[in-house]
Amino acid sequence: DVIENTPQAVVGISYPQDVNRFPGLAKAL
């Protein structure tokens, strides 16, 4: 997961916890 906060931009990205079990799918995400 990604959480970033700067004066210019805020970024929040969340992933399913177990998606890494499928490397090809994880790469597409």
PDB file of all heavy atoms in Angstrom:
ATOM      1  N   ASP A   1       0.838  -1.195   0.000  1.00  0.00           N
ATOM      2  CA  ASP A   1       0.000   0.000   0.000  1.00  0.00           C
ATOM      3  C   ASP A   1       0.877   1.249   0.000  1.00  0.00           C
ATOM      4  O   ASP A   1       1.998   1.247   0.512  1.00  0.00           O
ATOM      5  CB  ASP A   1      -0.920   0.022   1.217  1.00  0.00           C
ATOM      6  CG  ASP A   1      -1.969  -1.088   1.174  1.00  0.00           C
ATOM      7  OD1 ASP A   1      -2.056  -1.779   0.139  1.00  0.00           O
ATOM      8  OD2 ASP A   1      -2.689  -1.259   2.177  1.00  0.00           O
ATOM      9  N   VAL A   2       0.339   2.314  -0.599  1.00  0.00           N
ATOM     10  CA  VAL A   2       1.086   3.572  -0.726  1.00  0.00           C
ATOM     11  C   VAL A   2       0.284   4.700  -0.078  1.00  0.00           C
ATOM     12  O   VAL A   2      -0.907   4.860  -0.351  1.00  0.00           O
ATOM     13  CB  VAL A   2       1.340   3.912  -2.207  1.00  0.00           C
ATOM     14  CG1 VAL A   2       2.058   5.262  -2.330  1.00  0.00           C
ATOM     15  CG2 VAL A   2       2.148   2.813  -2.887  1.00  0.00           C
ATOM     16  N   ILE A   3       0.940   5.459   0.786  1.00  0.00           N
ATOM     17  CA  ILE A   3       0.359   6.678   1.355  1.00  0.00           C
ATOM     18  C   ILE A   3       1.434   7.753   1.301  1.00  0.00           C
ATOM     19  O   ILE A   3       2.482   7.638   1.949  1.00  0.00           O
ATOM     20  CB  ILE A   3      -0.107   6.475   2.810  1.00  0.00           C
ATOM     21  CG1 ILE A   3      -1.180   5.384   2.888  1.00  0.00           C
ATOM     22  CG2 ILE A   3      -0.647   7.784   3.375  1.00  0.00           C
ATOM     23  CD1 ILE A   3      -1.643   5.087   4.305  1.00  0.00           C
ATOM     24  N   GLU A   4       1.176   8.795   0.506  1.00  0.00           N
ATOM     25  CA  GLU A   4       2.124   9.893   0.372  1.00  0.00           C
ATOM     26  C   GLU A   4       1.367  11.206   0.497  1.00  0.00           C
ATOM     27  O   GLU A   4       0.252  11.344  -0.006  1.00  0.00           O
ATOM     28  CB  GLU A   4       2.853   9.830  -0.974  1.00  0.00           C
ATOM     29  CG  GLU A   4       3.724   8.595  -1.154  1.00  0.00           C
ATOM     30  CD  GLU A   4       4.383   8.549  -2.515  1.00  0.00           C
ATOM     31  OE1 GLU A   4       4.145   9.477  -3.319  1.00  0.00           O
ATOM     32  OE2 GLU A   4       5.136   7.589  -2.779  1.00  0.00           O
ATOM     33  N   ASN A   5       1.986  12.170   1.157  1.00  0.00           N
ATOM     34  CA  ASN A   5       1.337  13.456   1.375  1.00  0.00           C
ATOM     35  C   ASN A   5       2.372  14.560   1.262  1.00  0.00           C
ATOM     36  O   ASN A   5       3.310  14.628   2.062  1.00  0.00           O
ATOM     37  CB  ASN A   5       0.678  13.472   2.759  1.00  0.00           C
ATOM     38  CG  ASN A   5      -0.304  14.630   2.909  1.00  0.00           C
ATOM     39  OD1 ASN A   5      -0.209  15.622   2.197  1.00  0.00           O
ATOM     40  ND2 ASN A   5      -1.217  14.501   3.849  1.00  0.00           N
ATOM     41  N   THR A   6       2.229  15.415   0.238  1.00  0.00           N
ATOM     42  CA  THR A   6       3.107  16.571   0.060  1.00  0.00           C
ATOM     43  C   THR A   6       2.230  17.807  -0.113  1.00  0.00           C
ATOM     44  O   THR A   6       1.014  17.690  -0.311  1.00  0.00           O
ATOM     45  CB  THR A   6       4.001  16.394  -1.182  1.00  0.00           C
ATOM     46  OG1 THR A   6       3.188  16.494  -2.364  1.00  0.00           O
ATOM     47  CG2 THR A   6       4.712  15.037  -1.167  1.00  0.00           C
ATOM     48  N   PRO A   7       2.811  18.999  -0.059  1.00  0.00           N
ATOM     49  CA  PRO A   7       2.000  20.209  -0.261  1.00  0.00           C
ATOM     50  C   PRO A   7       1.313  20.256  -1.618  1.00  0.00           C
ATOM     51  O   PRO A   7       0.302  20.928  -1.779  1.00  0.00           O
ATOM     52  CB  PRO A   7       3.031  21.345  -0.120  1.00  0.00           C
ATOM     53  CG  PRO A   7       4.102  20.768   0.752  1.00  0.00           C
ATOM     54  CD  PRO A   7       4.189  19.329   0.357  1.00  0.00           C
ATOM     55  N   GLN A   8       1.853  19.536  -2.585  1.00  0.00           N
ATOM     56  CA  GLN A   8       1.289  19.590  -3.927  1.00  0.00           C
ATOM     57  C   GLN A   8       0.363  18.430  -4.248  1.00  0.00           C
ATOM     58  O   GLN A   8      -0.531  18.564  -5.086  1.00  0.00           O
ATOM     59  CB  GLN A   8       2.414  19.632  -4.972  1.00  0.00           C
ATOM     60  CG  GLN A   8       3.189  20.948  -4.982  1.00  0.00           C
ATOM     61  CD  GLN A   8       4.233  20.952  -6.075  1.00  0.00           C
ATOM     62  OE1 GLN A   8       4.992  20.000  -6.222  1.00  0.00           O
ATOM     63  NE2 GLN A   8       4.285  22.028  -6.845  1.00  0.00           N
ATOM     64  N   ALA A   9       0.565  17.271  -3.625  1.00  0.00           N
ATOM     65  CA  ALA A   9      -0.218  16.103  -4.020  1.00  0.00           C
ATOM     66  C   ALA A   9      -0.361  15.112  -2.875  1.00  0.00           C
ATOM     67  O   ALA A   9       0.502  15.014  -1.999  1.00  0.00           O
ATOM     68  CB  ALA A   9       0.428  15.409  -5.224  1.00  0.00           C
ATOM     69  N   VAL A  10      -1.464  14.383  -2.936  1.00  0.00           N
ATOM     70  CA  VAL A  10      -1.744  13.305  -1.990  1.00  0.00           C
ATOM     71  C   VAL A  10      -1.966  12.035  -2.801  1.00  0.00           C
ATOM     72  O   VAL A  10      -2.714  12.033  -3.782  1.00  0.00           O
ATOM     73  CB  VAL A  10      -2.996  13.609  -1.142  1.00  0.00           C
ATOM     74  CG1 VAL A  10      -3.321  12.430  -0.226  1.00  0.00           C
ATOM     75  CG2 VAL A  10      -2.796  14.884  -0.331  1.00  0.00           C
ATOM     76  N   VAL A  11      -1.319  10.939  -2.391  1.00  0.00           N
ATOM     77  CA  VAL A  11      -1.445   9.670  -3.101  1.00  0.00           C
ATOM     78  C   VAL A  11      -1.831   8.582  -2.103  1.00  0.00           C
ATOM     79  O   VAL A  11      -1.194   8.440  -1.052  1.00  0.00           O
ATOM     80  CB  VAL A  11      -0.131   9.274  -3.811  1.00  0.00           C
ATOM     81  CG1 VAL A  11      -0.268   7.894  -4.458  1.00  0.00           C
ATOM     82  CG2 VAL A  11       0.247  10.313  -4.850  1.00  0.00           C
ATOM     83  N   GLY A  12      -2.869   7.831  -2.431  1.00  0.00           N
ATOM     84  CA  GLY A  12      -3.264   6.688  -1.620  1.00  0.00           C
ATOM     85  C   GLY A  12      -3.627   5.517  -2.519  1.00  0.00           C
ATOM     86  O   GLY A  12      -4.526   5.638  -3.352  1.00  0.00           O
ATOM     87  N   ILE A  13      -2.910   4.413  -2.378  1.00  0.00           N
ATOM     88  CA  ILE A  13      -3.155   3.210  -3.194  1.00  0.00           C
ATOM     89  C   ILE A  13      -3.187   2.006  -2.262  1.00  0.00           C
ATOM     90  O   ILE A  13      -2.285   1.836  -1.426  1.00  0.00           O
ATOM     91  CB  ILE A  13      -2.053   3.012  -4.263  1.00  0.00           C
ATOM     92  CG1 ILE A  13      -1.935   4.245  -5.155  1.00  0.00           C
ATOM     93  CG2 ILE A  13      -2.348   1.775  -5.103  1.00  0.00           C
ATOM     94  CD1 ILE A  13      -0.767   4.174  -6.125  1.00  0.00           C
ATOM     95  N   SER A  14      -4.202   1.177  -2.390  1.00  0.00           N
ATOM     96  CA  SER A  14      -4.304  -0.022  -1.556  1.00  0.00           C
ATOM     97  C   SER A  14      -4.513  -1.249  -2.426  1.00  0.00           C
ATOM     98  O   SER A  14      -5.183  -1.186  -3.464  1.00  0.00           O
ATOM     99  CB  SER A  14      -5.439   0.113  -0.543  1.00  0.00           C
ATOM    100  OG  SER A  14      -6.697   0.226  -1.205  1.00  0.00           O
ATOM    101  N   TYR A  15      -3.928  -2.376  -1.971  1.00  0.00           N
ATOM    102  CA  TYR A  15      -3.990  -3.636  -2.702  1.00  0.00           C
ATOM    103  C   TYR A  15      -4.573  -4.729  -1.799  1.00  0.00           C
ATOM    104  O   TYR A  15      -4.447  -4.659  -0.572  1.00  0.00           O
ATOM    105  CB  TYR A  15      -2.597  -4.080  -3.142  1.00  0.00           C
ATOM    106  CG  TYR A  15      -1.882  -3.139  -4.074  1.00  0.00           C
ATOM    107  CD1 TYR A  15      -0.922  -2.230  -3.596  1.00  0.00           C
ATOM    108  CD2 TYR A  15      -2.131  -3.153  -5.435  1.00  0.00           C
ATOM    109  CE1 TYR A  15      -0.254  -1.374  -4.452  1.00  0.00           C
ATOM    110  CE2 TYR A  15      -1.461  -2.299  -6.304  1.00  0.00           C
ATOM    111  CZ  TYR A  15      -0.529  -1.410  -5.802  1.00  0.00           C
ATOM    112  OH  TYR A  15       0.135  -0.564  -6.654  1.00  0.00           O
ATOM    113  N   PRO A  16      -5.169  -5.776  -2.399  1.00  0.00           N
ATOM    114  CA  PRO A  16      -5.551  -6.942  -1.601  1.00  0.00           C
ATOM    115  C   PRO A  16      -4.309  -7.578  -0.970  1.00  0.00           C
ATOM    116  O   PRO A  16      -3.252  -7.640  -1.604  1.00  0.00           O
ATOM    117  CB  PRO A  16      -6.195  -7.889  -2.630  1.00  0.00           C
ATOM    118  CG  PRO A  16      -6.560  -7.019  -3.783  1.00  0.00           C
ATOM    119  CD  PRO A  16      -5.549  -5.921  -3.811  1.00  0.00           C
ATOM    120  N   GLN A  17      -4.433  -8.064   0.245  1.00  0.00           N
ATOM    121  CA  GLN A  17      -3.256  -8.550   0.972  1.00  0.00           C
ATOM    122  C   GLN A  17      -2.582  -9.739   0.296  1.00  0.00           C
ATOM    123  O   GLN A  17      -1.367  -9.869   0.342  1.00  0.00           O
ATOM    124  CB  GLN A  17      -3.648  -8.923   2.399  1.00  0.00           C
ATOM    125  CG  GLN A  17      -4.001  -7.719   3.266  1.00  0.00           C
ATOM    126  CD  GLN A  17      -4.287  -8.109   4.703  1.00  0.00           C
ATOM    127  OE1 GLN A  17      -4.408  -9.291   5.021  1.00  0.00           O
ATOM    128  NE2 GLN A  17      -4.404  -7.127   5.571  1.00  0.00           N
ATOM    129  N   ASP A  18      -3.367 -10.630  -0.309  1.00  0.00           N
ATOM    130  CA  ASP A  18      -2.787 -11.870  -0.825  1.00  0.00           C
ATOM    131  C   ASP A  18      -2.642 -11.906  -2.337  1.00  0.00           C
ATOM    132  O   ASP A  18      -2.442 -12.965  -2.929  1.00  0.00           O
ATOM    133  CB  ASP A  18      -3.628 -13.067  -0.372  1.00  0.00           C
ATOM    134  CG  ASP A  18      -5.077 -12.970  -0.848  1.00  0.00           C
ATOM    135  OD1 ASP A  18      -5.459 -11.900  -1.369  1.00  0.00           O
ATOM    136  OD2 ASP A  18      -5.825 -13.958  -0.703  1.00  0.00           O
ATOM    137  N   VAL A  19      -2.703 -10.753  -2.995  1.00  0.00           N
ATOM    138  CA  VAL A  19      -2.621 -10.753  -4.454  1.00  0.00           C
ATOM    139  C   VAL A  19      -1.238 -11.158  -4.947  1.00  0.00           C
ATOM    140  O   VAL A  19      -1.078 -11.611  -6.096  1.00  0.00           O
ATOM    141  CB  VAL A  19      -3.005  -9.370  -5.012  1.00  0.00           C
ATOM    142  CG1 VAL A  19      -1.912  -8.349  -4.759  1.00  0.00           C
ATOM    143  CG2 VAL A  19      -3.328  -9.445  -6.506  1.00  0.00           C
ATOM    144  N   ASN A  20      -0.231 -11.064  -4.080  1.00  0.00           N
ATOM    145  CA  ASN A  20       1.123 -11.436  -4.493  1.00  0.00           C
ATOM    146  C   ASN A  20       1.256 -12.927  -4.786  1.00  0.00           C
ATOM    147  O   ASN A  20       2.275 -13.354  -5.339  1.00  0.00           O
ATOM    148  CB  ASN A  20       2.123 -11.028  -3.413  1.00  0.00           C
ATOM    149  CG  ASN A  20       2.161  -9.520  -3.209  1.00  0.00           C
ATOM    150  OD1 ASN A  20       2.325  -8.768  -4.163  1.00  0.00           O
ATOM    151  ND2 ASN A  20       1.994  -9.079  -1.974  1.00  0.00           N
ATOM    152  N   ARG A  21       0.228 -13.714  -4.418  1.00  0.00           N
ATOM    153  CA  ARG A  21       0.255 -15.144  -4.753  1.00  0.00           C
ATOM    154  C   ARG A  21       0.152 -15.366  -6.255  1.00  0.00           C
ATOM    155  O   ARG A  21       0.432 -16.459  -6.750  1.00  0.00           O
ATOM    156  CB  ARG A  21      -0.915 -15.861  -4.066  1.00  0.00           C
ATOM    157  CG  ARG A  21      -0.812 -15.889  -2.550  1.00  0.00           C
ATOM    158  CD  ARG A  21      -1.868 -16.799  -1.942  1.00  0.00           C
ATOM    159  NE  ARG A  21      -3.215 -16.298  -2.150  1.00  0.00           N
ATOM    160  CZ  ARG A  21      -4.161 -16.912  -2.843  1.00  0.00           C
ATOM    161  NH1 ARG A  21      -3.911 -18.058  -3.452  1.00  0.00           N
ATOM    162  NH2 ARG A  21      -5.367 -16.392  -2.950  1.00  0.00           N
ATOM    163  N   PHE A  22      -0.271 -14.344  -6.984  1.00  0.00           N
ATOM    164  CA  PHE A  22      -0.439 -14.432  -8.436  1.00  0.00           C
ATOM    165  C   PHE A  22       0.469 -13.377  -9.083  1.00  0.00           C
ATOM    166  O   PHE A  22       0.034 -12.245  -9.343  1.00  0.00           O
ATOM    167  CB  PHE A  22      -1.892 -14.188  -8.819  1.00  0.00           C
ATOM    168  CG  PHE A  22      -2.876 -15.032  -8.040  1.00  0.00           C
ATOM    169  CD1 PHE A  22      -3.579 -14.496  -6.967  1.00  0.00           C
ATOM    170  CD2 PHE A  22      -3.090 -16.360  -8.374  1.00  0.00           C
ATOM    171  CE1 PHE A  22      -4.481 -15.262  -6.247  1.00  0.00           C
ATOM    172  CE2 PHE A  22      -3.992 -17.142  -7.657  1.00  0.00           C
ATOM    173  CZ  PHE A  22      -4.683 -16.589  -6.587  1.00  0.00           C
ATOM    174  N   PRO A  23       1.732 -13.718  -9.331  1.00  0.00           N
ATOM    175  CA  PRO A  23       2.701 -12.716  -9.793  1.00  0.00           C
ATOM    176  C   PRO A  23       2.282 -11.974 -11.063  1.00  0.00           C
ATOM    177  O   PRO A  23       2.489 -10.759 -11.157  1.00  0.00           O
ATOM    178  CB  PRO A  23       3.974 -13.550 -10.030  1.00  0.00           C
ATOM    179  CG  PRO A  23       3.825 -14.729  -9.128  1.00  0.00           C
ATOM    180  CD  PRO A  23       2.364 -15.042  -9.103  1.00  0.00           C
ATOM    181  N   GLY A  24       1.723 -12.695 -12.038  1.00  0.00           N
ATOM    182  CA  GLY A  24       1.308 -12.026 -13.271  1.00  0.00           C
ATOM    183  C   GLY A  24       0.202 -11.015 -13.033  1.00  0.00           C
ATOM    184  O   GLY A  24       0.193  -9.922 -13.609  1.00  0.00           O
ATOM    185  N   LEU A  25      -0.746 -11.374 -12.191  1.00  0.00           N
ATOM    186  CA  LEU A  25      -1.831 -10.459 -11.837  1.00  0.00           C
ATOM    187  C   LEU A  25      -1.284  -9.272 -11.056  1.00  0.00           C
ATOM    188  O   LEU A  25      -1.661  -8.111 -11.306  1.00  0.00           O
ATOM    189  CB  LEU A  25      -2.883 -11.205 -11.023  1.00  0.00           C
ATOM    190  CG  LEU A  25      -4.031 -10.384 -10.441  1.00  0.00           C
ATOM    191  CD1 LEU A  25      -4.800  -9.654 -11.535  1.00  0.00           C
ATOM    192  CD2 LEU A  25      -4.972 -11.274  -9.632  1.00  0.00           C
ATOM    193  N   ALA A  26      -0.403  -9.535 -10.106  1.00  0.00           N
ATOM    194  CA  ALA A  26       0.192  -8.456  -9.317  1.00  0.00           C
ATOM    195  C   ALA A  26       0.918  -7.456 -10.219  1.00  0.00           C
ATOM    196  O   ALA A  26       0.844  -6.235 -10.011  1.00  0.00           O
ATOM    197  CB  ALA A  26       1.154  -9.029  -8.284  1.00  0.00           C
ATOM    198  N   LYS A  27       1.599  -7.951 -11.236  1.00  0.00           N
ATOM    199  CA  LYS A  27       2.308  -7.057 -12.157  1.00  0.00           C
ATOM    200  C   LYS A  27       1.325  -6.184 -12.928  1.00  0.00           C
ATOM    201  O   LYS A  27       1.573  -4.992 -13.154  1.00  0.00           O
ATOM    202  CB  LYS A  27       3.167  -7.854 -13.124  1.00  0.00           C
ATOM    203  CG  LYS A  27       4.007  -6.969 -14.063  1.00  0.00           C
ATOM    204  CD  LYS A  27       4.884  -7.790 -14.975  1.00  0.00           C
ATOM    205  CE  LYS A  27       5.792  -6.878 -15.805  1.00  0.00           C
ATOM    206  NZ  LYS A  27       5.060  -5.839 -16.564  1.00  0.00           N
ATOM    207  N   ALA A  28       0.184  -6.765 -13.343  1.00  0.00           N
ATOM    208  CA  ALA A  28      -0.812  -5.981 -14.075  1.00  0.00           C
ATOM    209  C   ALA A  28      -1.366  -4.856 -13.199  1.00  0.00           C
ATOM    210  O   ALA A  28      -1.556  -3.728 -13.668  1.00  0.00           O
ATOM    211  CB  ALA A  28      -1.941  -6.896 -14.546  1.00  0.00           C
ATOM    212  N   LEU A  29      -1.615  -5.151 -11.927  1.00  0.00           N
ATOM    213  CA  LEU A  29      -2.097  -4.114 -11.011  1.00  0.00           C
ATOM    214  C   LEU A  29      -1.033  -3.038 -10.811  1.00  0.00           C
ATOM    215  O   LEU A  29      -1.330  -1.839 -10.800  1.00  0.00           O
ATOM    216  CB  LEU A  29      -2.474  -4.727  -9.665  1.00  0.00           C
ATOM    217  CG  LEU A  29      -3.489  -5.874  -9.658  1.00  0.00           C
ATOM    218  CD1 LEU A  29      -3.904  -6.200  -8.220  1.00  0.00           C
ATOM    219  CD2 LEU A  29      -4.708  -5.549 -10.499  1.00  0.00           C
TER     220      LEU A  29
END
